[in-house]
Structures are given as C-alpha cells and as structure tokens.
C-alpha cells in the first residue's frame, strides 16, 4: 500500500485509468513490459508520471499542494492510420476530465481538461501522448 503522497497520487490515477472500458494493456514506469516470455502487444498504453514542484499555499506546516502530470501515451502500430488511436485518446481524455479522486486521505483533482500532443513516429509504431494535469494536497499529519 502506498503511503507517500506522490505514490498515493500515482496509484489513484492509474487505478482510475484501469477502470476505462476496453482498456488496452498498460506499460507502467519502471515495470517490465510485457511480462517475461510474452510478445509486446501491437496496441497499448505507456505511462509516465511527472510530479512538479510543490506549491506552498500557506505559511507553516499546513499541507502543501502537489501538482504534476500523468502522461498516457497511446501506442499504435505503424500502417494502421491514426483514427483508431485518436478514438482511444478521446476515451482517455473523457475518462479523466472533471474528475476528483480520493485515496488515503488525499484529494486529487484533475485541474483542467486533459489534452493530446501531436503524433510521435517511431520505426514500428506511433505514439500519441495525453497529458492529464492534477493537483492534490498532502494529507494532514
């Protein structure tokens, strides 16, 4: 079980992602993907967690605001166009916009509508990154 604020935030955001209908396999940060002996799926989601500088809202020891991005990249095979990938991008955006999550005493708010970046072309696949901005307050001790 996560106890640090950033770990709680990451867990809550990825748990939310896993509740998407028809979710693709997920490649998390610093996790072996695919599982040993398995082929890499043609279509999947790749996660990056990017906490930002903590914002001090008040003076003293009051809880401080945590901010950052969860980036969900939709990975798609080359040669299949981008319409299917864009459909998944839209699903990710819709799944996170206007959400407030609660986990282990931390309130996590999606601070604005998630957005997609341009397509990143690789040799055998394309990626479309979706940035999901959040802010949260550390739990009170």
Protein backbone atom coordinates (compact mmCIF):
# COMPACT_ATOMS: atom_id res chain seq x y z
CA UNK A 1 0.00 0.00 0.00
CA UNK A 2 1.29 3.44 -0.96
CA UNK A 3 1.95 5.84 1.91
CA UNK A 4 3.91 8.75 0.37
CA UNK A 5 1.80 11.46 -1.23
CA UNK A 6 3.26 11.07 -4.74
CA UNK A 7 2.86 7.28 -4.53
CA UNK A 8 -0.76 7.70 -3.43
CA UNK A 9 -1.43 10.10 -6.32
CA UNK A 10 0.17 7.80 -8.89
CA UNK A 11 -1.74 4.78 -7.58
CA UNK A 12 -5.08 6.63 -7.63
CA UNK A 13 -4.53 7.92 -11.18
CA UNK A 14 -3.50 4.52 -12.54
CA UNK A 15 -6.40 2.84 -10.72
CA UNK A 16 -8.72 5.32 -12.47
CA UNK A 17 -7.13 4.51 -15.83
CA UNK A 18 -7.73 0.80 -15.25
CA UNK A 19 -11.48 1.45 -14.90
CA UNK A 20 -11.75 2.53 -18.55
CA UNK A 21 -13.94 0.19 -20.57
CA UNK A 22 -11.90 -1.93 -23.01
CA UNK A 23 -8.61 -0.69 -21.56
CA UNK A 24 -5.51 -1.67 -23.53
CA UNK A 25 -2.54 -3.30 -21.76
CA UNK A 26 -0.64 -0.75 -19.66
CA UNK A 27 3.14 -0.32 -19.57
CA UNK A 28 3.91 1.37 -16.27
CA UNK A 29 7.09 3.24 -15.41
CA UNK A 30 10.00 1.01 -14.37
CA UNK A 31 7.93 -2.17 -14.79
CA UNK A 32 8.95 -5.00 -17.13
CA UNK A 33 6.61 -4.87 -20.13
CA UNK A 34 5.46 -7.17 -21.48
CA UNK A 35 5.68 -9.90 -18.86
CA UNK A 36 8.61 -12.26 -19.34
CA UNK A 37 8.13 -14.52 -22.34
CA UNK A 38 5.20 -12.54 -23.75
CA UNK A 39 5.29 -10.61 -27.05
CA UNK A 40 4.84 -6.84 -27.00
CA UNK A 41 1.20 -6.07 -27.84
CA UNK A 42 0.58 -4.13 -31.05
CA UNK A 43 -1.58 -1.59 -29.16
CA UNK A 44 -1.06 -0.50 -25.58
CA UNK A 45 -0.84 2.46 -23.18
CA UNK A 46 2.50 3.71 -21.83
CA UNK A 47 2.53 5.70 -18.57
CA UNK A 48 4.83 8.47 -17.40
CA UNK A 49 4.39 10.15 -14.02
CA UNK A 50 5.74 13.69 -13.81
CA UNK A 51 5.32 15.39 -10.43
CA UNK A 52 6.08 19.09 -10.47
CA UNK A 53 7.33 21.50 -7.85
CA UNK A 54 5.27 21.50 -4.64
CA UNK A 55 3.40 24.75 -4.15
CA UNK A 56 3.33 26.31 -0.70
CA UNK A 57 -0.16 27.73 -0.27
CA UNK A 58 0.09 28.74 3.39
CA UNK A 59 2.83 29.53 5.85
CA UNK A 60 3.89 27.00 8.43
CA UNK A 61 3.37 23.26 8.50
CA UNK A 62 0.00 23.15 6.75
CA UNK A 63 -0.39 20.61 3.93
CA UNK A 64 1.11 21.81 0.67
CA UNK A 65 -0.20 21.49 -2.86
CA UNK A 66 1.26 18.77 -5.09
CA UNK A 67 0.99 19.30 -8.85
CA UNK A 68 2.03 17.38 -11.92
CA UNK A 69 1.05 15.36 -14.96
CA UNK A 70 0.18 11.78 -15.66
CA UNK A 71 1.02 11.18 -19.29
CA UNK A 72 -0.75 8.31 -21.01
CA UNK A 73 0.71 7.58 -24.43
CA UNK A 74 -1.49 5.63 -26.81
CA UNK A 75 0.87 3.32 -28.72
CA UNK A 76 -0.39 2.11 -32.12
CA UNK A 77 1.13 0.03 -34.92
CA UNK A 78 2.55 1.78 -37.99
CA UNK A 79 0.44 1.47 -41.11
CA UNK A 80 -2.97 1.34 -39.40
CA UNK A 81 -3.74 5.05 -39.59
CA UNK A 82 -4.41 7.20 -36.54
CA UNK A 83 -8.22 7.16 -36.36
CA UNK A 84 -8.30 4.16 -34.00
CA UNK A 85 -5.56 5.67 -31.85
CA UNK A 86 -7.39 9.01 -31.73
CA UNK A 87 -10.53 7.18 -30.58
CA UNK A 88 -8.56 5.77 -27.64
CA UNK A 89 -7.06 9.23 -26.98
CA UNK A 90 -10.59 10.68 -26.76
CA UNK A 91 -11.62 7.90 -24.37
CA UNK A 92 -8.68 8.67 -22.07
CA UNK A 93 -9.47 12.40 -22.11
CA UNK A 94 -13.17 11.81 -21.41
CA UNK A 95 -12.38 9.31 -18.65
CA UNK A 96 -10.28 11.83 -16.70
CA UNK A 97 -11.85 15.24 -17.32
CA UNK A 98 -13.74 16.84 -14.44
CA UNK A 99 -12.64 14.09 -12.02
CA UNK A 100 -11.84 14.30 -8.34
CA UNK A 101 -10.33 11.20 -6.77
CA UNK A 102 -9.88 10.34 -3.10
CA UNK A 103 -7.20 7.97 -1.83
CA UNK A 104 -5.66 7.53 1.64
CA UNK A 105 -6.73 11.00 2.79
CA UNK A 106 -5.51 12.71 -0.39
CA UNK A 107 -7.92 14.59 -2.63
CA UNK A 108 -6.68 14.56 -6.23
CA UNK A 109 -8.32 16.91 -8.72
CA UNK A 110 -7.83 16.87 -12.46
CA UNK A 111 -7.04 20.57 -12.69
CA UNK A 112 -8.01 21.14 -16.34
CA UNK A 113 -9.16 19.09 -19.30
CA UNK A 114 -6.51 16.61 -20.41
CA UNK A 115 -5.03 17.24 -23.86
CA UNK A 116 -3.30 15.29 -26.60
CA UNK A 117 0.02 16.19 -28.19
CA UNK A 118 1.00 15.53 -31.78
CA UNK A 119 1.81 12.07 -33.05
CA UNK A 120 5.32 10.76 -32.35
CA UNK A 121 6.50 8.50 -35.17
CA UNK A 122 8.81 5.57 -34.40
CA UNK A 123 10.02 2.78 -36.71
CA UNK A 124 7.30 0.27 -35.91
CA UNK A 125 4.69 2.32 -34.03
CA UNK A 126 3.28 5.75 -33.38
CA UNK A 127 2.51 7.32 -30.03
CA UNK A 128 0.01 9.98 -29.13
CA UNK A 129 0.70 11.37 -25.63
CA UNK A 130 -2.21 12.53 -23.49
CA UNK A 131 -1.30 14.84 -20.60
CA UNK A 132 -3.53 14.69 -17.53
CA UNK A 133 -2.83 17.59 -15.15
CA UNK A 134 -3.56 17.12 -11.46
CA UNK A 135 -3.22 18.89 -8.18
CA UNK A 136 -3.58 17.45 -4.71
CA UNK A 137 -2.96 18.37 -1.12
CA UNK A 138 -0.73 16.38 1.18
CA UNK A 139 -2.71 14.69 3.94
CA UNK A 140 -2.63 16.38 7.31
CA UNK A 141 -0.48 14.64 9.90
